[in-house]
Amino acid sequence: MARIEWTGMQLYRNGSNYDYSYNYALRLDAKSGQMLYDCSFKAPANLNDEIWRCELESVPVTREELAPLDALIQGLPLAPPKEPEPVDDDLLVCDETMEIFDVCIANYKDRSVKKLTAPLSGEQRAELQKQFLQLYLKAKDRAPLRN
């Protein structure tokens, strides 16, 4: 399989309980050529920060910092997402948890974006979350201060 030169990625989970919701996103800034990291997730108990929610917005990260995540992505069977199944109007879901995993490949010359995805096992999802936490720990001190 050929190497995938990805330009963005998102690992997302949203549900009715904020403690179990998270959003990790990486995107290539076309102007600066830097990969930017956004995240929002519940702080792990062993983080030793006096915060309960970890959040970053548009923090630059290096290729070296992204290497573990890139290695995981290169090992996944990425393919275009399947069309969603039709929704049954008679089925009422009161608490729907939504999970997304996307990898984007953008061509800035023709402004096209190709989204790919892969089914993730629980272990793969946990490993991606672990790598995103490590990326947070490396990048948090570079984040601009919020007012």
N, C-alpha and C. Protein backbone atom coordinates (compact mmCIF):
# COMPACT_ATOMS: atom_id res chain seq x y z
N MET A 1 0.84 -1.18 0.00
CA MET A 1 0.00 0.00 0.00
C MET A 1 0.89 1.25 0.00
N ALA A 2 0.53 2.21 -0.83
CA ALA A 2 1.31 3.45 -0.93
C ALA A 2 1.11 4.32 0.30
N ARG A 3 2.11 5.10 0.59
CA ARG A 3 2.05 6.03 1.72
C ARG A 3 0.96 7.07 1.47
N ILE A 4 0.18 7.38 2.49
CA ILE A 4 -0.88 8.37 2.40
C ILE A 4 -0.37 9.69 2.96
N GLU A 5 -0.36 10.72 2.15
CA GLU A 5 0.04 12.06 2.59
C GLU A 5 -1.23 12.80 3.00
N TRP A 6 -1.61 12.67 4.24
CA TRP A 6 -2.86 13.25 4.72
C TRP A 6 -2.66 14.71 5.12
N THR A 7 -3.74 15.46 5.03
CA THR A 7 -3.70 16.90 5.34
C THR A 7 -4.64 17.27 6.48
N GLY A 8 -5.33 16.30 7.00
CA GLY A 8 -6.23 16.56 8.13
C GLY A 8 -6.74 15.25 8.70
N MET A 9 -7.21 15.32 9.94
CA MET A 9 -7.73 14.14 10.61
C MET A 9 -8.66 14.58 11.72
N GLN A 10 -9.69 13.78 11.98
CA GLN A 10 -10.58 14.06 13.10
C GLN A 10 -10.99 12.76 13.75
N LEU A 11 -10.90 12.73 15.07
CA LEU A 11 -11.42 11.64 15.89
C LEU A 11 -12.39 12.30 16.85
N TYR A 12 -13.66 11.91 16.77
CA TYR A 12 -14.72 12.66 17.44
C TYR A 12 -15.73 11.70 18.05
N ARG A 13 -16.20 12.06 19.22
CA ARG A 13 -17.30 11.32 19.85
C ARG A 13 -18.15 12.32 20.60
N ASN A 14 -19.44 12.25 20.38
CA ASN A 14 -20.37 13.16 21.03
C ASN A 14 -21.55 12.35 21.57
N GLY A 15 -21.89 12.60 22.80
CA GLY A 15 -23.02 11.92 23.41
C GLY A 15 -23.65 12.82 24.45
N SER A 16 -24.59 12.29 25.19
CA SER A 16 -25.29 13.11 26.18
C SER A 16 -24.43 13.37 27.42
N ASN A 17 -23.40 12.57 27.65
CA ASN A 17 -22.53 12.75 28.79
C ASN A 17 -21.24 13.43 28.33
N TYR A 18 -21.03 14.65 28.77
CA TYR A 18 -19.88 15.45 28.35
C TYR A 18 -18.56 14.79 28.74
N ASP A 19 -18.56 14.01 29.82
CA ASP A 19 -17.33 13.35 30.27
C ASP A 19 -16.80 12.35 29.24
N TYR A 20 -17.68 11.78 28.43
CA TYR A 20 -17.27 10.77 27.46
C TYR A 20 -17.20 11.31 26.04
N SER A 21 -17.37 12.61 25.88
CA SER A 21 -17.29 13.25 24.57
C SER A 21 -15.88 13.79 24.37
N TYR A 22 -15.42 13.74 23.13
CA TYR A 22 -14.11 14.29 22.81
C TYR A 22 -14.07 14.70 21.35
N ASN A 23 -13.12 15.57 21.05
CA ASN A 23 -12.88 15.98 19.68
C ASN A 23 -11.39 16.26 19.53
N TYR A 24 -10.75 15.53 18.66
CA TYR A 24 -9.34 15.74 18.32
C TYR A 24 -9.30 16.04 16.83
N ALA A 25 -8.63 17.10 16.43
CA ALA A 25 -8.57 17.44 15.02
C ALA A 25 -7.21 18.00 14.66
N LEU A 26 -6.74 17.61 13.50
CA LEU A 26 -5.51 18.15 12.92
C LEU A 26 -5.85 18.63 11.53
N ARG A 27 -5.30 19.78 11.14
CA ARG A 27 -5.54 20.29 9.79
C ARG A 27 -4.32 21.06 9.32
N LEU A 28 -4.05 20.94 8.05
CA LEU A 28 -2.93 21.65 7.45
C LEU A 28 -3.37 23.05 7.08
N ASP A 29 -2.66 24.05 7.60
CA ASP A 29 -2.92 25.43 7.24
C ASP A 29 -2.25 25.70 5.90
N ALA A 30 -3.04 26.01 4.88
CA ALA A 30 -2.52 26.17 3.53
C ALA A 30 -1.54 27.35 3.42
N LYS A 31 -1.76 28.40 4.19
CA LYS A 31 -0.89 29.58 4.10
C LYS A 31 0.47 29.33 4.74
N SER A 32 0.47 28.81 5.95
CA SER A 32 1.74 28.64 6.68
C SER A 32 2.40 27.29 6.40
N GLY A 33 1.63 26.32 5.93
CA GLY A 33 2.17 24.98 5.71
C GLY A 33 2.32 24.19 7.00
N GLN A 34 1.82 24.72 8.12
CA GLN A 34 1.93 24.04 9.41
C GLN A 34 0.68 23.21 9.68
N MET A 35 0.88 22.11 10.40
CA MET A 35 -0.24 21.33 10.86
C MET A 35 -0.70 21.95 12.18
N LEU A 36 -2.02 22.19 12.30
CA LEU A 36 -2.59 22.81 13.49
C LEU A 36 -3.44 21.78 14.24
N TYR A 37 -3.37 21.85 15.56
CA TYR A 37 -4.03 20.88 16.43
C TYR A 37 -5.11 21.57 17.25
N ASP A 38 -6.31 20.99 17.21
CA ASP A 38 -7.43 21.41 18.05
C ASP A 38 -7.86 20.19 18.86
N CYS A 39 -8.23 20.40 20.11
CA CYS A 39 -8.74 19.28 20.88
C CYS A 39 -9.62 19.78 22.03
N SER A 40 -10.49 18.90 22.45
CA SER A 40 -11.33 19.12 23.62
C SER A 40 -11.68 17.74 24.17
N PHE A 41 -11.26 17.48 25.42
CA PHE A 41 -11.53 16.18 26.03
C PHE A 41 -11.42 16.29 27.54
N LYS A 42 -12.00 15.32 28.24
CA LYS A 42 -11.93 15.31 29.70
C LYS A 42 -10.50 15.02 30.13
N ALA A 43 -10.01 15.82 31.07
CA ALA A 43 -8.64 15.63 31.56
C ALA A 43 -8.54 14.31 32.31
N PRO A 44 -7.54 13.49 31.97
CA PRO A 44 -7.34 12.25 32.73
C PRO A 44 -6.94 12.58 34.17
N ALA A 45 -7.27 11.68 35.08
CA ALA A 45 -6.99 11.90 36.51
C ALA A 45 -5.50 12.07 36.78
N ASN A 46 -4.65 11.44 35.99
CA ASN A 46 -3.21 11.48 36.25
C ASN A 46 -2.50 12.64 35.55
N LEU A 47 -3.24 13.61 35.03
CA LEU A 47 -2.63 14.71 34.29
C LEU A 47 -1.95 15.72 35.21
N ASN A 48 -2.37 15.80 36.47
CA ASN A 48 -1.79 16.71 37.47
C ASN A 48 -1.99 18.18 37.14
N ASP A 49 -2.92 18.49 36.31
CA ASP A 49 -3.31 19.88 36.06
C ASP A 49 -4.57 20.14 36.86
N GLU A 50 -4.81 21.38 37.19
CA GLU A 50 -6.02 21.70 37.94
C GLU A 50 -7.13 22.11 36.99
N ILE A 51 -7.28 21.35 35.94
CA ILE A 51 -8.35 21.59 34.97
C ILE A 51 -9.14 20.30 34.80
N TRP A 52 -10.38 20.42 34.41
CA TRP A 52 -11.17 19.21 34.19
C TRP A 52 -11.39 18.96 32.71
N ARG A 53 -11.14 19.96 31.87
CA ARG A 53 -11.32 19.80 30.44
C ARG A 53 -10.08 20.32 29.73
N CYS A 54 -9.47 19.52 28.89
CA CYS A 54 -8.29 19.92 28.13
C CYS A 54 -8.76 20.48 26.79
N GLU A 55 -8.31 21.66 26.46
CA GLU A 55 -8.71 22.28 25.19
C GLU A 55 -7.54 23.03 24.58
N LEU A 56 -7.37 22.86 23.28
CA LEU A 56 -6.40 23.61 22.50
C LEU A 56 -7.09 24.05 21.22
N GLU A 57 -6.62 25.18 20.68
CA GLU A 57 -7.18 25.66 19.42
C GLU A 57 -6.06 26.19 18.54
N SER A 58 -5.91 25.61 17.36
CA SER A 58 -4.96 26.05 16.33
C SER A 58 -3.52 26.14 16.83
N VAL A 59 -3.06 25.12 17.54
CA VAL A 59 -1.69 25.09 18.04
C VAL A 59 -0.83 24.34 17.02
N PRO A 60 0.24 24.98 16.51
CA PRO A 60 1.11 24.30 15.55
C PRO A 60 1.82 23.10 16.17
N VAL A 61 1.92 22.03 15.40
CA VAL A 61 2.65 20.84 15.83
C VAL A 61 3.63 20.44 14.72
N THR A 62 4.71 19.79 15.11
CA THR A 62 5.76 19.44 14.16
C THR A 62 5.55 18.04 13.58
N ARG A 63 6.24 17.76 12.48
CA ARG A 63 6.20 16.42 11.88
C ARG A 63 6.70 15.37 12.86
N GLU A 64 7.71 15.72 13.63
CA GLU A 64 8.25 14.78 14.61
C GLU A 64 7.19 14.44 15.66
N GLU A 65 6.44 15.44 16.11
CA GLU A 65 5.39 15.20 17.10
C GLU A 65 4.25 14.37 16.51
N LEU A 66 4.04 14.48 15.21
CA LEU A 66 2.96 13.75 14.54
C LEU A 66 3.36 12.33 14.12
N ALA A 67 4.64 12.00 14.20
CA ALA A 67 5.12 10.71 13.71
C ALA A 67 4.37 9.50 14.29
N PRO A 68 4.11 9.44 15.61
CA PRO A 68 3.37 8.27 16.12
C PRO A 68 1.95 8.17 15.56
N LEU A 69 1.26 9.30 15.43
CA LEU A 69 -0.08 9.28 14.83
C LEU A 69 -0.01 8.88 13.36
N ASP A 70 0.96 9.42 12.65
CA ASP A 70 1.12 9.08 11.24
C ASP A 70 1.35 7.58 11.06
N ALA A 71 2.16 6.99 11.93
CA ALA A 71 2.43 5.55 11.84
C ALA A 71 1.14 4.75 12.03
N LEU A 72 0.29 5.19 12.96
CA LEU A 72 -0.99 4.50 13.16
C LEU A 72 -1.87 4.62 11.92
N ILE A 73 -1.94 5.82 11.34
CA ILE A 73 -2.78 6.04 10.16
C ILE A 73 -2.30 5.21 8.99
N GLN A 74 -0.98 5.14 8.80
CA GLN A 74 -0.44 4.39 7.67
C GLN A 74 -0.79 2.90 7.78
N GLY A 75 -1.02 2.40 8.99
CA GLY A 75 -1.35 0.99 9.18
C GLY A 75 -2.83 0.65 9.11
N LEU A 76 -3.67 1.67 8.92
CA LEU A 76 -5.12 1.42 8.86
C LEU A 76 -5.59 1.16 7.44
N PRO A 77 -6.62 0.33 7.28
CA PRO A 77 -7.19 0.08 5.94
C PRO A 77 -8.14 1.21 5.54
N LEU A 78 -7.58 2.36 5.18
CA LEU A 78 -8.40 3.53 4.86
C LEU A 78 -9.11 3.35 3.52
N ALA A 79 -10.37 3.80 3.49
CA ALA A 79 -11.19 3.72 2.29
C ALA A 79 -12.23 4.84 2.34
N PRO A 80 -12.82 5.20 1.19
CA PRO A 80 -13.88 6.20 1.23
C PRO A 80 -15.02 5.73 2.13
N PRO A 81 -15.68 6.67 2.83
CA PRO A 81 -16.78 6.27 3.72
C PRO A 81 -17.95 5.70 2.92
N LYS A 82 -18.66 4.77 3.53
CA LYS A 82 -19.86 4.19 2.92
C LYS A 82 -21.00 5.18 3.05
N GLU A 83 -21.94 5.09 2.13
CA GLU A 83 -23.14 5.92 2.21
C GLU A 83 -23.92 5.53 3.46
N PRO A 84 -24.44 6.53 4.20
CA PRO A 84 -25.22 6.18 5.39
C PRO A 84 -26.50 5.45 5.00
N GLU A 85 -26.90 4.56 5.88
CA GLU A 85 -28.15 3.83 5.64
C GLU A 85 -29.33 4.75 5.86
N PRO A 86 -30.42 4.50 5.14
CA PRO A 86 -31.60 5.36 5.33
C PRO A 86 -32.11 5.31 6.77
N VAL A 87 -32.59 6.43 7.25
CA VAL A 87 -33.08 6.54 8.61
C VAL A 87 -34.54 6.08 8.65
N ASP A 88 -34.85 5.28 9.65
CA ASP A 88 -36.23 4.84 9.86
C ASP A 88 -36.94 5.91 10.64
N ASP A 89 -37.91 6.59 10.02
CA ASP A 89 -38.63 7.68 10.67
C ASP A 89 -39.43 7.24 11.88
N ASP A 90 -39.74 5.95 11.96
CA ASP A 90 -40.51 5.45 13.10
C ASP A 90 -39.64 5.12 14.30
N LEU A 91 -38.33 5.12 14.11
CA LEU A 91 -37.41 4.79 15.18
C LEU A 91 -36.98 6.07 15.89
N LEU A 92 -37.22 6.15 17.18
CA LEU A 92 -36.86 7.32 17.97
C LEU A 92 -35.66 6.98 18.83
N VAL A 93 -34.58 7.73 18.66
CA VAL A 93 -33.37 7.53 19.46
C VAL A 93 -33.24 8.73 20.39
N CYS A 94 -33.33 8.48 21.68
CA CYS A 94 -33.29 9.58 22.65
C CYS A 94 -31.87 10.03 22.96
N ASP A 95 -30.94 9.12 22.95
CA ASP A 95 -29.56 9.45 23.30
C ASP A 95 -28.63 8.79 22.31
N GLU A 96 -28.42 9.44 21.20
CA GLU A 96 -27.57 8.86 20.17
C GLU A 96 -26.13 9.34 20.36
N THR A 97 -25.23 8.39 20.51
CA THR A 97 -23.81 8.72 20.57
C THR A 97 -23.28 8.64 19.14
N MET A 98 -22.57 9.68 18.73
CA MET A 98 -22.05 9.74 17.38
C MET A 98 -20.53 9.67 17.44
N GLU A 99 -19.96 8.80 16.63
CA GLU A 99 -18.51 8.69 16.55
C GLU A 99 -18.07 8.89 15.11
N ILE A 100 -16.98 9.65 14.94
CA ILE A 100 -16.45 9.94 13.61
C ILE A 100 -14.95 9.72 13.64
N PHE A 101 -14.44 9.10 12.59
CA PHE A 101 -13.00 9.04 12.36
C PHE A 101 -12.79 9.31 10.88
N ASP A 102 -12.16 10.42 10.55
CA ASP A 102 -11.90 10.81 9.16
C ASP A 102 -10.44 11.17 8.99
N VAL A 103 -9.90 10.83 7.85
CA VAL A 103 -8.59 11.30 7.42
C VAL A 103 -8.82 12.01 6.10
N CYS A 104 -8.28 13.21 5.96
CA CYS A 104 -8.51 14.00 4.74
C CYS A 104 -7.22 14.10 3.92
N ILE A 105 -7.42 14.05 2.64
CA ILE A 105 -6.34 14.29 1.68
C ILE A 105 -6.82 15.44 0.81
N ALA A 106 -6.17 16.58 0.92
CA ALA A 106 -6.60 17.76 0.18
C ALA A 106 -5.62 18.08 -0.93
N ASN A 107 -6.17 18.54 -2.04
CA ASN A 107 -5.36 19.04 -3.14
C ASN A 107 -5.67 20.53 -3.24
N TYR A 108 -4.71 21.35 -2.83
CA TYR A 108 -4.97 22.78 -2.77
C TYR A 108 -4.97 23.44 -4.14
N LYS A 109 -4.41 22.76 -5.14
CA LYS A 109 -4.42 23.32 -6.49
C LYS A 109 -5.83 23.35 -7.07
N ASP A 110 -6.55 22.23 -6.96
CA ASP A 110 -7.91 22.21 -7.49
C ASP A 110 -8.98 22.31 -6.39
N ARG A 111 -8.53 22.57 -5.16
CA ARG A 111 -9.41 22.76 -4.00
C ARG A 111 -10.32 21.56 -3.73
N SER A 112 -9.81 20.39 -3.98
CA SER A 112 -10.59 19.19 -3.70
C SER A 112 -10.14 18.56 -2.38
N VAL A 113 -11.06 17.89 -1.74
CA VAL A 113 -10.76 17.18 -0.49
C VAL A 113 -11.36 15.78 -0.61
N LYS A 114 -10.55 14.80 -0.33
CA LYS A 114 -11.00 13.42 -0.33
C LYS A 114 -10.99 12.93 1.10
N LYS A 115 -12.13 12.45 1.58
CA LYS A 115 -12.20 11.92 2.95
C LYS A 115 -12.10 10.40 2.91
N LEU A 116 -11.33 9.89 3.84
CA LEU A 116 -11.17 8.45 4.00
C LEU A 116 -11.50 8.10 5.44
N THR A 117 -11.85 6.86 5.68
CA THR A 117 -12.13 6.42 7.03
C THR A 117 -11.74 4.95 7.15
N ALA A 118 -11.77 4.44 8.35
CA ALA A 118 -11.49 3.02 8.61
C ALA A 118 -12.29 2.60 9.83
N PRO A 119 -12.78 1.39 9.85
CA PRO A 119 -13.42 0.91 11.08
C PRO A 119 -12.35 0.76 12.15
N LEU A 120 -12.61 1.30 13.32
CA LEU A 120 -11.62 1.23 14.40
C LEU A 120 -12.08 0.25 15.47
N SER A 121 -11.17 -0.60 15.88
CA SER A 121 -11.45 -1.46 17.03
C SER A 121 -11.34 -0.60 18.29
N GLY A 122 -11.80 -1.12 19.40
CA GLY A 122 -11.66 -0.40 20.67
C GLY A 122 -10.20 -0.11 20.99
N GLU A 123 -9.32 -1.07 20.69
CA GLU A 123 -7.89 -0.90 20.95
C GLU A 123 -7.29 0.19 20.06
N GLN A 124 -7.69 0.22 18.79
CA GLN A 124 -7.18 1.24 17.87
C GLN A 124 -7.65 2.63 18.28
N ARG A 125 -8.92 2.74 18.66
CA ARG A 125 -9.46 4.03 19.11
C ARG A 125 -8.72 4.48 20.37
N ALA A 126 -8.50 3.57 21.30
CA ALA A 126 -7.78 3.91 22.55
C ALA A 126 -6.35 4.33 22.24
N GLU A 127 -5.70 3.68 21.29
CA GLU A 127 -4.32 4.04 20.93
C GLU A 127 -4.29 5.42 20.27
N LEU A 128 -5.25 5.72 19.41
CA LEU A 128 -5.31 7.06 18.81
C LEU A 128 -5.52 8.12 19.90
N GLN A 129 -6.42 7.85 20.84
CA GLN A 129 -6.65 8.79 21.94
C GLN A 129 -5.38 8.98 22.77
N LYS A 130 -4.66 7.91 23.01
CA LYS A 130 -3.40 7.99 23.77
C LYS A 130 -2.40 8.88 23.03
N GLN A 131 -2.29 8.70 21.72
CA GLN A 131 -1.36 9.51 20.94
C GLN A 131 -1.79 10.98 20.89
N PHE A 132 -3.11 11.23 20.82
CA PHE A 132 -3.59 12.61 20.85
C PHE A 132 -3.33 13.25 22.22
N LEU A 133 -3.43 12.48 23.31
CA LEU A 133 -3.10 13.00 24.64
C LEU A 133 -1.61 13.36 24.70
N GLN A 134 -0.75 12.49 24.18
CA GLN A 134 0.68 12.79 24.16
C GLN A 134 0.96 14.06 23.35
N LEU A 135 0.24 14.23 22.25
CA LEU A 135 0.39 15.44 21.44
C LEU A 135 -0.06 16.67 22.23
N TYR A 136 -1.15 16.53 22.99
CA TYR A 136 -1.62 17.62 23.85
C TYR A 136 -0.53 18.02 24.85
N LEU A 137 0.08 17.03 25.50
CA LEU A 137 1.10 17.31 26.51
C LEU A 137 2.31 18.03 25.91
N LYS A 138 2.64 17.72 24.67
CA LYS A 138 3.76 18.38 24.00
C LYS A 138 3.40 19.80 23.54
N ALA A 139 2.14 20.00 23.14
CA ALA A 139 1.74 21.27 22.50
C ALA A 139 1.11 22.27 23.45
N LYS A 140 0.65 21.86 24.63
CA LYS A 140 -0.14 22.76 25.47
C LYS A 140 0.60 24.02 25.91
N ASP A 141 1.90 23.92 26.08
CA ASP A 141 2.66 25.10 26.52
C ASP A 141 2.86 26.12 25.40
N ARG A 142 2.60 25.72 24.16
CA ARG A 142 2.70 26.62 23.02
C ARG A 142 1.38 27.30 22.68
N ALA A 143 0.33 26.91 23.39
CA ALA A 143 -1.01 27.45 23.10
C ALA A 143 -1.06 28.91 23.53
N PRO A 144 -1.72 29.76 22.72
CA PRO A 144 -1.89 31.14 23.14
C PRO A 144 -2.75 31.22 24.40
N LEU A 145 -2.46 32.17 25.24
CA LEU A 145 -3.24 32.35 26.46
C LEU A 145 -4.62 32.87 26.12
N ARG A 146 -5.62 32.33 26.81
CA ARG A 146 -7.00 32.78 26.61
C ARG A 146 -7.35 33.83 27.64
N ASN A 147 -8.15 34.78 27.24
CA ASN A 147 -8.61 35.82 28.19
C ASN A 147 -9.78 35.33 28.98
